PDB file of N, CA and C in Angstrom:
ATOM      1  N   MET A   1      12.409   3.547  13.563  1.00  0.00           N
ATOM      2  CA  MET A   1      11.667   2.737  12.610  1.00  0.00           C
ATOM      3  C   MET A   1      11.635   3.447  11.274  1.00  0.00           C
ATOM      4  N   PRO A   2      11.874   2.721  10.206  1.00  0.00           N
ATOM      5  CA  PRO A   2      11.818   3.330   8.876  1.00  0.00           C
ATOM      6  C   PRO A   2      10.378   3.620   8.425  1.00  0.00           C
ATOM      7  N   LEU A   3      10.262   4.588   7.545  1.00  0.00           N
ATOM      8  CA  LEU A   3       8.977   4.906   6.926  1.00  0.00           C
ATOM      9  C   LEU A   3       8.891   4.170   5.604  1.00  0.00           C
ATOM     10  N   TYR A   4       7.776   3.472   5.376  1.00  0.00           N
ATOM     11  CA  TYR A   4       7.551   2.733   4.136  1.00  0.00           C
ATOM     12  C   TYR A   4       6.335   3.293   3.421  1.00  0.00           C
ATOM     13  N   GLU A   5       6.349   3.131   2.096  1.00  0.00           N
ATOM     14  CA  GLU A   5       5.209   3.472   1.263  1.00  0.00           C
ATOM     15  C   GLU A   5       4.850   2.234   0.456  1.00  0.00           C
ATOM     16  N   VAL A   6       3.589   1.832   0.528  1.00  0.00           N
ATOM     17  CA  VAL A   6       3.112   0.675  -0.229  1.00  0.00           C
ATOM     18  C   VAL A   6       2.118   1.176  -1.262  1.00  0.00           C
ATOM     19  N   VAL A   7       2.396   0.893  -2.532  1.00  0.00           N
ATOM     20  CA  VAL A   7       1.503   1.253  -3.628  1.00  0.00           C
ATOM     21  C   VAL A   7       0.771  -0.014  -4.044  1.00  0.00           C
ATOM     22  N   ASN A   8      -0.552   0.041  -4.057  1.00  0.00           N
ATOM     23  CA  ASN A   8      -1.366  -1.129  -4.343  1.00  0.00           C
ATOM     24  C   ASN A   8      -2.309  -0.894  -5.504  1.00  0.00           C
ATOM     25  N   ILE A   9      -2.573  -1.955  -6.228  1.00  0.00           N
ATOM     26  CA  ILE A   9      -3.651  -1.980  -7.215  1.00  0.00           C
ATOM     27  C   ILE A   9      -4.590  -3.080  -6.762  1.00  0.00           C
ATOM     28  N   SER A  10      -5.803  -2.700  -6.418  1.00  0.00           N
ATOM     29  CA  SER A  10      -6.781  -3.690  -5.981  1.00  0.00           C
ATOM     30  C   SER A  10      -7.826  -3.893  -7.075  1.00  0.00           C
ATOM     31  N   LYS A  11      -8.613  -4.937  -6.904  1.00  0.00           N
ATOM     32  CA  LYS A  11      -9.668  -5.220  -7.873  1.00  0.00           C
ATOM     33  C   LYS A  11     -10.626  -4.039  -7.956  1.00  0.00           C
ATOM     34  N   THR A  12     -11.165  -3.855  -9.111  1.00  0.00           N
ATOM     35  CA  THR A  12     -12.102  -2.767  -9.327  1.00  0.00           C
ATOM     36  C   THR A  12     -13.509  -3.190  -8.908  1.00  0.00           C
ATOM     37  N   LYS A  13     -14.350  -2.223  -8.674  1.00  0.00           N
ATOM     38  CA  LYS A  13     -15.746  -2.435  -8.316  1.00  0.00           C
ATOM     39  C   LYS A  13     -15.926  -3.265  -7.058  1.00  0.00           C
ATOM     40  N   LEU A  14     -14.998  -3.087  -6.093  1.00  0.00           N
ATOM     41  CA  LEU A  14     -15.185  -3.708  -4.788  1.00  0.00           C
ATOM     42  C   LEU A  14     -16.242  -2.916  -4.034  1.00  0.00           C
ATOM     43  N   HIS A  15     -17.103  -3.610  -3.331  1.00  0.00           N
ATOM     44  CA  HIS A  15     -18.106  -2.932  -2.508  1.00  0.00           C
ATOM     45  C   HIS A  15     -17.383  -2.089  -1.462  1.00  0.00           C
ATOM     46  N   THR A  16     -17.981  -1.004  -1.048  1.00  0.00           N
ATOM     47  CA  THR A  16     -17.354  -0.081  -0.105  1.00  0.00           C
ATOM     48  C   THR A  16     -16.941  -0.793   1.182  1.00  0.00           C
ATOM     49  N   ARG A  17     -17.769  -1.687   1.674  1.00  0.00           N
ATOM     50  CA  ARG A  17     -17.443  -2.408   2.904  1.00  0.00           C
ATOM     51  C   ARG A  17     -16.267  -3.361   2.705  1.00  0.00           C
ATOM     52  N   VAL A  18     -16.200  -3.979   1.542  1.00  0.00           N
ATOM     53  CA  VAL A  18     -15.088  -4.896   1.252  1.00  0.00           C
ATOM     54  C   VAL A  18     -13.785  -4.116   1.156  1.00  0.00           C
ATOM     55  N   PHE A  19     -13.820  -2.953   0.500  1.00  0.00           N
ATOM     56  CA  PHE A  19     -12.625  -2.118   0.386  1.00  0.00           C
ATOM     57  C   PHE A  19     -12.216  -1.580   1.755  1.00  0.00           C
ATOM     58  N   ALA A  20     -13.185  -1.171   2.564  1.00  0.00           N
ATOM     59  CA  ALA A  20     -12.889  -0.684   3.914  1.00  0.00           C
ATOM     60  C   ALA A  20     -12.285  -1.804   4.762  1.00  0.00           C
ATOM     61  N   ASP A  21     -12.771  -3.017   4.591  1.00  0.00           N
ATOM     62  CA  ASP A  21     -12.220  -4.163   5.319  1.00  0.00           C
ATOM     63  C   ASP A  21     -10.772  -4.428   4.902  1.00  0.00           C
ATOM     64  N   LEU A  22     -10.475  -4.258   3.625  1.00  0.00           N
ATOM     65  CA  LEU A  22      -9.109  -4.421   3.129  1.00  0.00           C
ATOM     66  C   LEU A  22      -8.172  -3.400   3.783  1.00  0.00           C
ATOM     67  N   LEU A  23      -8.601  -2.148   3.862  1.00  0.00           N
ATOM     68  CA  LEU A  23      -7.798  -1.109   4.506  1.00  0.00           C
ATOM     69  C   LEU A  23      -7.646  -1.376   5.999  1.00  0.00           C
ATOM     70  N   LYS A  24      -8.722  -1.831   6.633  1.00  0.00           N
ATOM     71  CA  LYS A  24      -8.692  -2.103   8.071  1.00  0.00           C
ATOM     72  C   LYS A  24      -7.742  -3.252   8.399  1.00  0.00           C
ATOM     73  N   ILE A  25      -7.774  -4.310   7.607  1.00  0.00           N
ATOM     74  CA  ILE A  25      -6.876  -5.446   7.823  1.00  0.00           C
ATOM     75  C   ILE A  25      -5.424  -5.019   7.602  1.00  0.00           C
ATOM     76  N   SER A  26      -5.200  -4.174   6.593  1.00  0.00           N
ATOM     77  CA  SER A  26      -3.845  -3.677   6.331  1.00  0.00           C
ATOM     78  C   SER A  26      -3.313  -2.893   7.521  1.00  0.00           C
ATOM     79  N   ALA A  27      -4.120  -1.987   8.046  1.00  0.00           N
ATOM     80  CA  ALA A  27      -3.695  -1.182   9.189  1.00  0.00           C
ATOM     81  C   ALA A  27      -3.534  -2.042  10.435  1.00  0.00           C
ATOM     82  N   LYS A  28      -4.429  -2.988  10.634  1.00  0.00           N
ATOM     83  CA  LYS A  28      -4.378  -3.844  11.823  1.00  0.00           C
ATOM     84  C   LYS A  28      -3.115  -4.693  11.844  1.00  0.00           C
ATOM     85  N   THR A  29      -2.669  -5.168  10.689  1.00  0.00           N
ATOM     86  CA  THR A  29      -1.446  -5.964  10.617  1.00  0.00           C
ATOM     87  C   THR A  29      -0.250  -5.159  11.108  1.00  0.00           C
ATOM     88  N   ILE A  30      -0.157  -3.925  10.682  1.00  0.00           N
ATOM     89  CA  ILE A  30       0.960  -3.070  11.096  1.00  0.00           C
ATOM     90  C   ILE A  30       0.856  -2.729  12.581  1.00  0.00           C
ATOM     91  N   LEU A  31      -0.323  -2.340  13.030  1.00  0.00           N
ATOM     92  CA  LEU A  31      -0.504  -1.914  14.420  1.00  0.00           C
ATOM     93  C   LEU A  31      -0.299  -3.062  15.407  1.00  0.00           C
ATOM     94  N   ASP A  32      -0.755  -4.259  15.053  1.00  0.00           N
ATOM     95  CA  ASP A  32      -0.614  -5.410  15.951  1.00  0.00           C
ATOM     96  C   ASP A  32       0.835  -5.840  16.131  1.00  0.00           C
ATOM     97  N   ASN A  33       1.690  -5.473  15.189  1.00  0.00           N
ATOM     98  CA  ASN A  33       3.097  -5.868  15.253  1.00  0.00           C
ATOM     99  C   ASN A  33       4.018  -4.722  15.661  1.00  0.00           C
ATOM    100  N   GLY A  34       3.467  -3.700  16.286  1.00  0.00           N
ATOM    101  CA  GLY A  34       4.289  -2.636  16.848  1.00  0.00           C
ATOM    102  C   GLY A  34       4.622  -1.492  15.910  1.00  0.00           C
ATOM    103  N   GLY A  35       3.966  -1.408  14.770  1.00  0.00           N
ATOM    104  CA  GLY A  35       4.207  -0.308  13.840  1.00  0.00           C
ATOM    105  C   GLY A  35       3.190   0.800  14.023  1.00  0.00           C
ATOM    106  N   ALA A  36       3.269   1.799  13.165  1.00  0.00           N
ATOM    107  CA  ALA A  36       2.334   2.917  13.198  1.00  0.00           C
ATOM    108  C   ALA A  36       1.942   3.270  11.768  1.00  0.00           C
ATOM    109  N   VAL A  37       0.654   3.433  11.535  1.00  0.00           N
ATOM    110  CA  VAL A  37       0.144   3.792  10.212  1.00  0.00           C
ATOM    111  C   VAL A  37       0.056   5.300  10.115  1.00  0.00           C
ATOM    112  N   LYS A  38       0.690   5.854   9.083  1.00  0.00           N
ATOM    113  CA  LYS A  38       0.666   7.306   8.886  1.00  0.00           C
ATOM    114  C   LYS A  38      -0.582   7.728   8.126  1.00  0.00           C
ATOM    115  N   GLY A  39      -0.997   6.914   7.152  1.00  0.00           N
ATOM    116  CA  GLY A  39      -2.211   7.263   6.426  1.00  0.00           C
ATOM    117  C   GLY A  39      -2.380   6.494   5.137  1.00  0.00           C
ATOM    118  N   PHE A  40      -3.581   6.665   4.553  1.00  0.00           N
ATOM    119  CA  PHE A  40      -3.933   6.072   3.267  1.00  0.00           C
ATOM    120  C   PHE A  40      -4.214   7.199   2.279  1.00  0.00           C
ATOM    121  N   VAL A  41      -3.838   6.978   1.038  1.00  0.00           N
ATOM    122  CA  VAL A  41      -4.106   7.962  -0.015  1.00  0.00           C
ATOM    123  C   VAL A  41      -4.769   7.234  -1.179  1.00  0.00           C
ATOM    124  N   PRO A  42      -6.060   7.500  -1.442  1.00  0.00           N
ATOM    125  CA  PRO A  42      -6.690   6.900  -2.622  1.00  0.00           C
ATOM    126  C   PRO A  42      -6.258   7.685  -3.865  1.00  0.00           C
ATOM    127  N   LEU A  43      -5.696   6.998  -4.836  1.00  0.00           N
ATOM    128  CA  LEU A  43      -5.224   7.687  -6.039  1.00  0.00           C
ATOM    129  C   LEU A  43      -6.320   7.770  -7.096  1.00  0.00           C
ATOM    130  N   CYS A  44      -6.859   6.652  -7.477  1.00  0.00           N
ATOM    131  CA  CYS A  44      -7.962   6.664  -8.433  1.00  0.00           C
ATOM    132  C   CYS A  44      -8.683   5.320  -8.365  1.00  0.00           C
ATOM    133  N   PHE A  45      -9.969   5.361  -8.561  1.00  0.00           N
ATOM    134  CA  PHE A  45     -10.780   4.160  -8.516  1.00  0.00           C
ATOM    135  C   PHE A  45     -11.262   3.811  -9.920  1.00  0.00           C
ATOM    136  N   ASP A  46     -11.350   2.525 -10.177  1.00  0.00           N
ATOM    137  CA  ASP A  46     -11.882   2.001 -11.444  1.00  0.00           C
ATOM    138  C   ASP A  46     -11.208   2.633 -12.656  1.00  0.00           C
ATOM    139  N   ARG A  47      -9.905   2.452 -12.723  1.00  0.00           N
ATOM    140  CA  ARG A  47      -9.123   2.996 -13.827  1.00  0.00           C
ATOM    141  C   ARG A  47      -8.551   1.850 -14.661  1.00  0.00           C
ATOM    142  N   LYS A  48      -8.411   2.079 -15.956  1.00  0.00           N
ATOM    143  CA  LYS A  48      -7.818   1.085 -16.838  1.00  0.00           C
ATOM    144  C   LYS A  48      -6.367   0.847 -16.452  1.00  0.00           C
ATOM    145  N   LEU A  49      -5.972  -0.407 -16.410  1.00  0.00           N
ATOM    146  CA  LEU A  49      -4.578  -0.745 -16.137  1.00  0.00           C
ATOM    147  C   LEU A  49      -3.752  -0.526 -17.397  1.00  0.00           C
ATOM    148  N   PRO A  50      -2.448  -0.272 -17.275  1.00  0.00           N
ATOM    149  CA  PRO A  50      -1.625  -0.032 -18.465  1.00  0.00           C
ATOM    150  C   PRO A  50      -1.523  -1.263 -19.374  1.00  0.00           C
ATOM    151  N   TYR A  51      -1.697  -2.429 -18.794  1.00  0.00           N
ATOM    152  CA  TYR A  51      -1.726  -3.675 -19.558  1.00  0.00           C
ATOM    153  C   TYR A  51      -2.499  -4.709 -18.745  1.00  0.00           C
ATOM    154  N   ARG A  52      -2.913  -5.775 -19.392  1.00  0.00           N
ATOM    155  CA  ARG A  52      -3.657  -6.823 -18.690  1.00  0.00           C
ATOM    156  C   ARG A  52      -2.762  -7.467 -17.633  1.00  0.00           C
ATOM    157  N   MET A  53      -3.313  -7.679 -16.459  1.00  0.00           N
ATOM    158  CA  MET A  53      -2.565  -8.300 -15.373  1.00  0.00           C
ATOM    159  C   MET A  53      -3.297  -9.550 -14.918  1.00  0.00           C
ATOM    160  N   ARG A  54      -2.523 -10.561 -14.601  1.00  0.00           N
ATOM    161  CA  ARG A  54      -3.100 -11.823 -14.179  1.00  0.00           C
ATOM    162  C   ARG A  54      -2.805 -12.061 -12.703  1.00  0.00           C
ATOM    163  N   LYS A  55      -3.843 -12.415 -11.966  1.00  0.00           N
ATOM    164  CA  LYS A  55      -3.695 -12.757 -10.550  1.00  0.00           C
ATOM    165  C   LYS A  55      -4.736 -13.812 -10.217  1.00  0.00           C
ATOM    166  N   ASN A  56      -4.306 -14.895  -9.596  1.00  0.00           N
ATOM    167  CA  ASN A  56      -5.188 -15.989  -9.193  1.00  0.00           C
ATOM    168  C   ASN A  56      -5.999 -16.551 -10.360  1.00  0.00           C
ATOM    169  N   LYS A  57      -5.318 -16.792 -11.466  1.00  0.00           N
ATOM    170  CA  LYS A  57      -5.920 -17.376 -12.673  1.00  0.00           C
ATOM    171  C   LYS A  57      -7.047 -16.518 -13.239  1.00  0.00           C
ATOM    172  N   GLU A  58      -6.955 -15.221 -13.052  1.00  0.00           N
ATOM    173  CA  GLU A  58      -7.962 -14.284 -13.527  1.00  0.00           C
ATOM    174  C   GLU A  58      -7.273 -13.086 -14.162  1.00  0.00           C
ATOM    175  N   TRP A  59      -7.752 -12.664 -15.337  1.00  0.00           N
ATOM    176  CA  TRP A  59      -7.194 -11.502 -16.017  1.00  0.00           C
ATOM    177  C   TRP A  59      -7.924 -10.246 -15.570  1.00  0.00           C
ATOM    178  N   HIS A  60      -7.163  -9.170 -15.362  1.00  0.00           N
ATOM    179  CA  HIS A  60      -7.735  -7.897 -14.928  1.00  0.00           C
ATOM    180  C   HIS A  60      -7.337  -6.811 -15.923  1.00  0.00           C
ATOM    181  N   THR A  61      -8.292  -5.967 -16.277  1.00  0.00           N
ATOM    182  CA  THR A  61      -8.018  -4.829 -17.160  1.00  0.00           C
ATOM    183  C   THR A  61      -8.267  -3.496 -16.451  1.00  0.00           C
ATOM    184  N   ASP A  62      -8.971  -3.516 -15.310  1.00  0.00           N
ATOM    185  CA  ASP A  62      -9.252  -2.318 -14.527  1.00  0.00           C
ATOM    186  C   ASP A  62      -8.780  -2.537 -13.100  1.00  0.00           C
ATOM    187  N   GLY A  63      -8.456  -1.441 -12.410  1.00  0.00           N
ATOM    188  CA  GLY A  63      -8.022  -1.556 -11.019  1.00  0.00           C
ATOM    189  C   GLY A  63      -8.179  -0.247 -10.280  1.00  0.00           C
ATOM    190  N   SER A  64      -8.100  -0.333  -8.966  1.00  0.00           N
ATOM    191  CA  SER A  64      -8.154   0.837  -8.091  1.00  0.00           C
ATOM    192  C   SER A  64      -6.784   1.013  -7.442  1.00  0.00           C
ATOM    193  N   TYR A  65      -6.233   2.209  -7.559  1.00  0.00           N
ATOM    194  CA  TYR A  65      -4.897   2.496  -7.036  1.00  0.00           C
ATOM    195  C   TYR A  65      -5.007   3.195  -5.686  1.00  0.00           C
ATOM    196  N   TRP A  66      -4.198   2.777  -4.711  1.00  0.00           N
ATOM    197  CA  TRP A  66      -4.144   3.438  -3.409  1.00  0.00           C
ATOM    198  C   TRP A  66      -2.783   3.222  -2.773  1.00  0.00           C
ATOM    199  N   ILE A  67      -2.423   4.162  -1.885  1.00  0.00           N
ATOM    200  CA  ILE A  67      -1.110   4.161  -1.227  1.00  0.00           C
ATOM    201  C   ILE A  67      -1.316   4.122   0.283  1.00  0.00           C
ATOM    202  N   MET A  68      -0.408   3.436   0.962  1.00  0.00           N
ATOM    203  CA  MET A  68      -0.409   3.407   2.422  1.00  0.00           C
ATOM    204  C   MET A  68       0.982   3.770   2.906  1.00  0.00           C
ATOM    205  N   HIS A  69       1.072   4.681   3.878  1.00  0.00           N
ATOM    206  CA  HIS A  69       2.339   5.055   4.510  1.00  0.00           C
ATOM    207  C   HIS A  69       2.327   4.514   5.934  1.00  0.00           C
ATOM    208  N   PHE A  70       3.448   3.896   6.341  1.00  0.00           N
ATOM    209  CA  PHE A  70       3.517   3.376   7.700  1.00  0.00           C
ATOM    210  C   PHE A  70       4.957   3.291   8.179  1.00  0.00           C
ATOM    211  N   TYR A  71       5.113   3.324   9.508  1.00  0.00           N
ATOM    212  CA  TYR A  71       6.401   3.132  10.169  1.00  0.00           C
ATOM    213  C   TYR A  71       6.412   1.715  10.734  1.00  0.00           C
ATOM    214  N   SER A  72       7.502   0.998  10.497  1.00  0.00           N
ATOM    215  CA  SER A  72       7.592  -0.363  10.994  1.00  0.00           C
ATOM    216  C   SER A  72       9.022  -0.861  10.887  1.00  0.00           C
ATOM    217  N   ASN A  73       9.310  -1.960  11.587  1.00  0.00           N
ATOM    218  CA  ASN A  73      10.627  -2.561  11.413  1.00  0.00           C
ATOM    219  C   ASN A  73      10.603  -3.429  10.150  1.00  0.00           C
ATOM    220  N   PRO A  74      11.752  -3.770   9.589  1.00  0.00           N
ATOM    221  CA  PRO A  74      11.796  -4.497   8.320  1.00  0.00           C
ATOM    222  C   PRO A  74      11.112  -5.869   8.352  1.00  0.00           C
ATOM    223  N   ALA A  75      11.157  -6.565   9.478  1.00  0.00           N
ATOM    224  CA  ALA A  75      10.520  -7.886   9.555  1.00  0.00           C
ATOM    225  C   ALA A  75       9.003  -7.771   9.411  1.00  0.00           C
ATOM    226  N   VAL A  76       8.412  -6.781  10.055  1.00  0.00           N
ATOM    227  CA  VAL A  76       6.965  -6.573   9.959  1.00  0.00           C
ATOM    228  C   VAL A  76       6.585  -6.108   8.555  1.00  0.00           C
ATOM    229  N   ALA A  77       7.410  -5.257   7.961  1.00  0.00           N
ATOM    230  CA  ALA A  77       7.145  -4.795   6.597  1.00  0.00           C
ATOM    231  C   ALA A  77       7.159  -5.967   5.623  1.00  0.00           C
ATOM    232  N   ASN A  78       8.092  -6.897   5.804  1.00  0.00           N
ATOM    233  CA  ASN A  78       8.157  -8.073   4.946  1.00  0.00           C
ATOM    234  C   ASN A  78       6.929  -8.957   5.145  1.00  0.00           C
ATOM    235  N   LEU A  79       6.507  -9.153   6.391  1.00  0.00           N
ATOM    236  CA  LEU A  79       5.300  -9.919   6.686  1.00  0.00           C
ATOM    237  C   LEU A  79       4.083  -9.274   6.029  1.00  0.00           C
ATOM    238  N   PHE A  80       4.008  -7.955   6.120  1.00  0.00           N
ATOM    239  CA  PHE A  80       2.872  -7.219   5.561  1.00  0.00           C
ATOM    240  C   PHE A  80       2.810  -7.339   4.044  1.00  0.00           C
ATOM    241  N   ILE A  81       3.944  -7.186   3.375  1.00  0.00           N
ATOM    242  CA  ILE A  81       3.939  -7.257   1.911  1.00  0.00           C
ATOM    243  C   ILE A  81       3.582  -8.664   1.444  1.00  0.00           C
ATOM    244  N   ASN A  82       4.029  -9.683   2.177  1.00  0.00           N
ATOM    245  CA  ASN A  82       3.656 -11.060   1.827  1.00  0.00           C
ATOM    246  C   ASN A  82       2.163 -11.297   2.031  1.00  0.00           C
ATOM    247  N   GLN A  83       1.594 -10.682   3.066  1.00  0.00           N
ATOM    248  CA  GLN A  83       0.157 -10.797   3.301  1.00  0.00           C
ATOM    249  C   GLN A  83      -0.627 -10.145   2.164  1.00  0.00           C
ATOM    250  N   LEU A  84      -0.179  -8.966   1.723  1.00  0.00           N
ATOM    251  CA  LEU A  84      -0.865  -8.290   0.617  1.00  0.00           C
ATOM    252  C   LEU A  84      -0.768  -9.093  -0.678  1.00  0.00           C
ATOM    253  N   LYS A  85       0.395  -9.670  -0.931  1.00  0.00           N
ATOM    254  CA  LYS A  85       0.565 -10.443  -2.165  1.00  0.00           C
ATOM    255  C   LYS A  85      -0.321 -11.684  -2.197  1.00  0.00           C
ATOM    256  N   SER A  86      -0.651 -12.223  -1.030  1.00  0.00           N
ATOM    257  CA  SER A  86      -1.504 -13.415  -0.993  1.00  0.00           C
ATOM    258  C   SER A  86      -2.988 -13.073  -0.928  1.00  0.00           C
ATOM    259  N   ASP A  87      -3.330 -11.799  -0.739  1.00  0.00           N
ATOM    260  CA  ASP A  87      -4.734 -11.381  -0.668  1.00  0.00           C
ATOM    261  C   ASP A  87      -5.347 -11.410  -2.070  1.00  0.00           C
ATOM    262  N   PRO A  88      -6.478 -12.092  -2.269  1.00  0.00           N
ATOM    263  CA  PRO A  88      -7.073 -12.185  -3.610  1.00  0.00           C
ATOM    264  C   PRO A  88      -7.647 -10.863  -4.115  1.00  0.00           C
ATOM    265  N   ARG A  89      -7.859  -9.868  -3.240  1.00  0.00           N
ATOM    266  CA  ARG A  89      -8.395  -8.573  -3.673  1.00  0.00           C
ATOM    267  C   ARG A  89      -7.327  -7.656  -4.240  1.00  0.00           C
ATOM    268  N   ILE A  90      -6.067  -7.967  -3.991  1.00  0.00           N
ATOM    269  CA  ILE A  90      -4.946  -7.149  -4.463  1.00  0.00           C
ATOM    270  C   ILE A  90      -4.405  -7.741  -5.763  1.00  0.00           C
ATOM    271  N   ILE A  91      -4.314  -6.908  -6.795  1.00  0.00           N
ATOM    272  CA  ILE A  91      -3.751  -7.356  -8.079  1.00  0.00           C
ATOM    273  C   ILE A  91      -2.234  -7.212  -8.053  1.00  0.00           C
ATOM    274  N   ARG A  92      -1.736  -6.057  -7.687  1.00  0.00           N
ATOM    275  CA  ARG A  92      -0.288  -5.800  -7.586  1.00  0.00           C
ATOM    276  C   ARG A  92       0.001  -4.962  -6.357  1.00  0.00           C
ATOM    277  N   THR A  93       1.183  -5.156  -5.803  1.00  0.00           N
ATOM    278  CA  THR A  93       1.628  -4.344  -4.673  1.00  0.00           C
ATOM    279  C   THR A  93       3.131  -4.148  -4.763  1.00  0.00           C
ATOM    280  N   ASN A  94       3.588  -3.000  -4.304  1.00  0.00           N
ATOM    281  CA  ASN A  94       5.011  -2.694  -4.318  1.00  0.00           C
ATOM    282  C   ASN A  94       5.324  -1.811  -3.113  1.00  0.00           C
ATOM    283  N   MET A  95       6.422  -2.140  -2.411  1.00  0.00           N
ATOM    284  CA  MET A  95       6.802  -1.382  -1.231  1.00  0.00           C
ATOM    285  C   MET A  95       8.117  -0.656  -1.479  1.00  0.00           C
ATOM    286  N   VAL A  96       8.182   0.602  -1.005  1.00  0.00           N
ATOM    287  CA  VAL A  96       9.382   1.422  -1.119  1.00  0.00           C
ATOM    288  C   VAL A  96       9.710   1.959   0.270  1.00  0.00           C
ATOM    289  N   LYS A  97      10.972   1.866   0.644  1.00  0.00           N
ATOM    290  CA  LYS A  97      11.420   2.425   1.921  1.00  0.00           C
ATOM    291  C   LYS A  97      11.752   3.893   1.674  1.00  0.00           C
ATOM    292  N   ILE A  98      11.007   4.783   2.317  1.00  0.00           N
ATOM    293  CA  ILE A  98      11.165   6.220   2.116  1.00  0.00           C
ATOM    294  C   ILE A  98      12.404   6.736   2.835  1.00  0.00           C
ATOM    295  N   GLY A  99      12.608   6.291   4.067  1.00  0.00           N
ATOM    296  CA  GLY A  99      13.761   6.769   4.814  1.00  0.00           C
ATOM    297  C   GLY A  99      13.975   5.971   6.080  1.00  0.00           C
ATOM    298  N   GLU A 100      15.197   6.062   6.580  1.00  0.00           N
ATOM    299  CA  GLU A 100      15.580   5.309   7.776  1.00  0.00           C
ATOM    300  C   GLU A 100      15.579   6.187   9.024  1.00  0.00           C
ATOM    301  N   LYS A 101      16.074   7.407   8.894  1.00  0.00           N
ATOM    302  CA  LYS A 101      16.222   8.305  10.035  1.00  0.00           C
ATOM    303  C   LYS A 101      15.343   9.531   9.855  1.00  0.00           C
ATOM    304  N   LEU A 102      15.187  10.273  10.929  1.00  0.00           N
ATOM    305  CA  LEU A 102      14.373  11.482  10.886  1.00  0.00           C
ATOM    306  C   LEU A 102      14.937  12.493   9.895  1.00  0.00           C
ATOM    307  N   ASP A 103      16.256  12.559   9.757  1.00  0.00           N
ATOM    308  CA  ASP A 103      16.883  13.478   8.802  1.00  0.00           C
ATOM    309  C   ASP A 103      16.439  13.187   7.372  1.00  0.00           C
ATOM    310  N   ASP A 104      16.246  11.910   7.039  1.00  0.00           N
ATOM    311  CA  ASP A 104      15.779  11.539   5.701  1.00  0.00           C
ATOM    312  C   ASP A 104      14.386  12.095   5.432  1.00  0.00           C
ATOM    313  N   PHE A 105      13.512  12.065   6.443  1.00  0.00           N
ATOM    314  CA  PHE A 105      12.157  12.574   6.273  1.00  0.00           C
ATOM    315  C   PHE A 105      12.148  14.081   6.098  1.00  0.00           C
ATOM    316  N   ILE A 106      12.996  14.765   6.849  1.00  0.00           N
ATOM    317  CA  ILE A 106      13.058  16.222   6.759  1.00  0.00           C
ATOM    318  C   ILE A 106      13.569  16.645   5.382  1.00  0.00           C
ATOM    319  N   GLU A 107      14.593  15.958   4.875  1.00  0.00           N
ATOM    320  CA  GLU A 107      15.111  16.266   3.536  1.00  0.00           C
ATOM    321  C   GLU A 107      14.048  16.023   2.474  1.00  0.00           C
ATOM    322  N   LEU A 108      13.296  14.929   2.604  1.00  0.00           N
ATOM    323  CA  LEU A 108      12.248  14.609   1.640  1.00  0.00           C
ATOM    324  C   LEU A 108      11.160  15.670   1.662  1.00  0.00           C
ATOM    325  N   GLN A 109      10.740  16.097   2.847  1.00  0.00           N
ATOM    326  CA  GLN A 109       9.696  17.107   2.971  1.00  0.00           C
ATOM    327  C   GLN A 109      10.141  18.438   2.368  1.00  0.00           C
ATOM    328  N   SER A 110      11.389  18.849   2.618  1.00  0.00           N
ATOM    329  CA  SER A 110      11.859  20.120   2.081  1.00  0.00           C
ATOM    330  C   SER A 110      12.001  20.057   0.559  1.00  0.00           C
ATOM    331  N   THR A 111      12.382  18.893   0.032  1.00  0.00           N
ATOM    332  CA  THR A 111      12.459  18.716  -1.423  1.00  0.00           C
ATOM    333  C   THR A 111      11.093  18.811  -2.061  1.00  0.00           C
ATOM    334  N   LEU A 112      10.081  18.203  -1.428  1.00  0.00           N
ATOM    335  CA  LEU A 112       8.722  18.240  -1.966  1.00  0.00           C
ATOM    336  C   LEU A 112       8.136  19.640  -1.930  1.00  0.00           C
ATOM    337  N   ARG A 113       8.477  20.421  -0.940  1.00  0.00           N
ATOM    338  CA  ARG A 113       7.949  21.787  -0.848  1.00  0.00           C
ATOM    339  C   ARG A 113       8.510  22.687  -1.929  1.00  0.00           C
ATOM    340  N   ARG A 114       9.750  22.436  -2.346  1.00  0.00           N
ATOM    341  CA  ARG A 114      10.376  23.259  -3.391  1.00  0.00           C
ATOM    342  C   ARG A 114       9.746  22.993  -4.754  1.00  0.00           C
ATOM    343  N   VAL A 115       9.260  21.800  -4.961  1.00  0.00           N
ATOM    344  CA  VAL A 115       8.693  21.417  -6.261  1.00  0.00           C
ATOM    345  C   VAL A 115       7.324  21.921  -6.366  1.00  0.00           C
TER     346      VAL A 115
END
């Protein structure tokens, strides 16, 4: 199974329970379809966006950035990204495939350690 990284910008000033529910639903989607969640990384909360973004007929100037790493097959990853794009709490989302084989992960880890 390939490793994916999803970078998200969610609405700012979400209540802690609402944000936790967003993370829980994200993880549950992957786990229910045979994937594995590696982890979540909160980057920054309530930060100014580089430019105004529009989602669901609403303009946003602030957002919360967070990353999710997970292992899954491509069909589940596509389902997951479509689910995030339709979620009204998410302003923007982008998925990157980190690697396909274990060798790709080892090369990435050794590159990161050198930097």
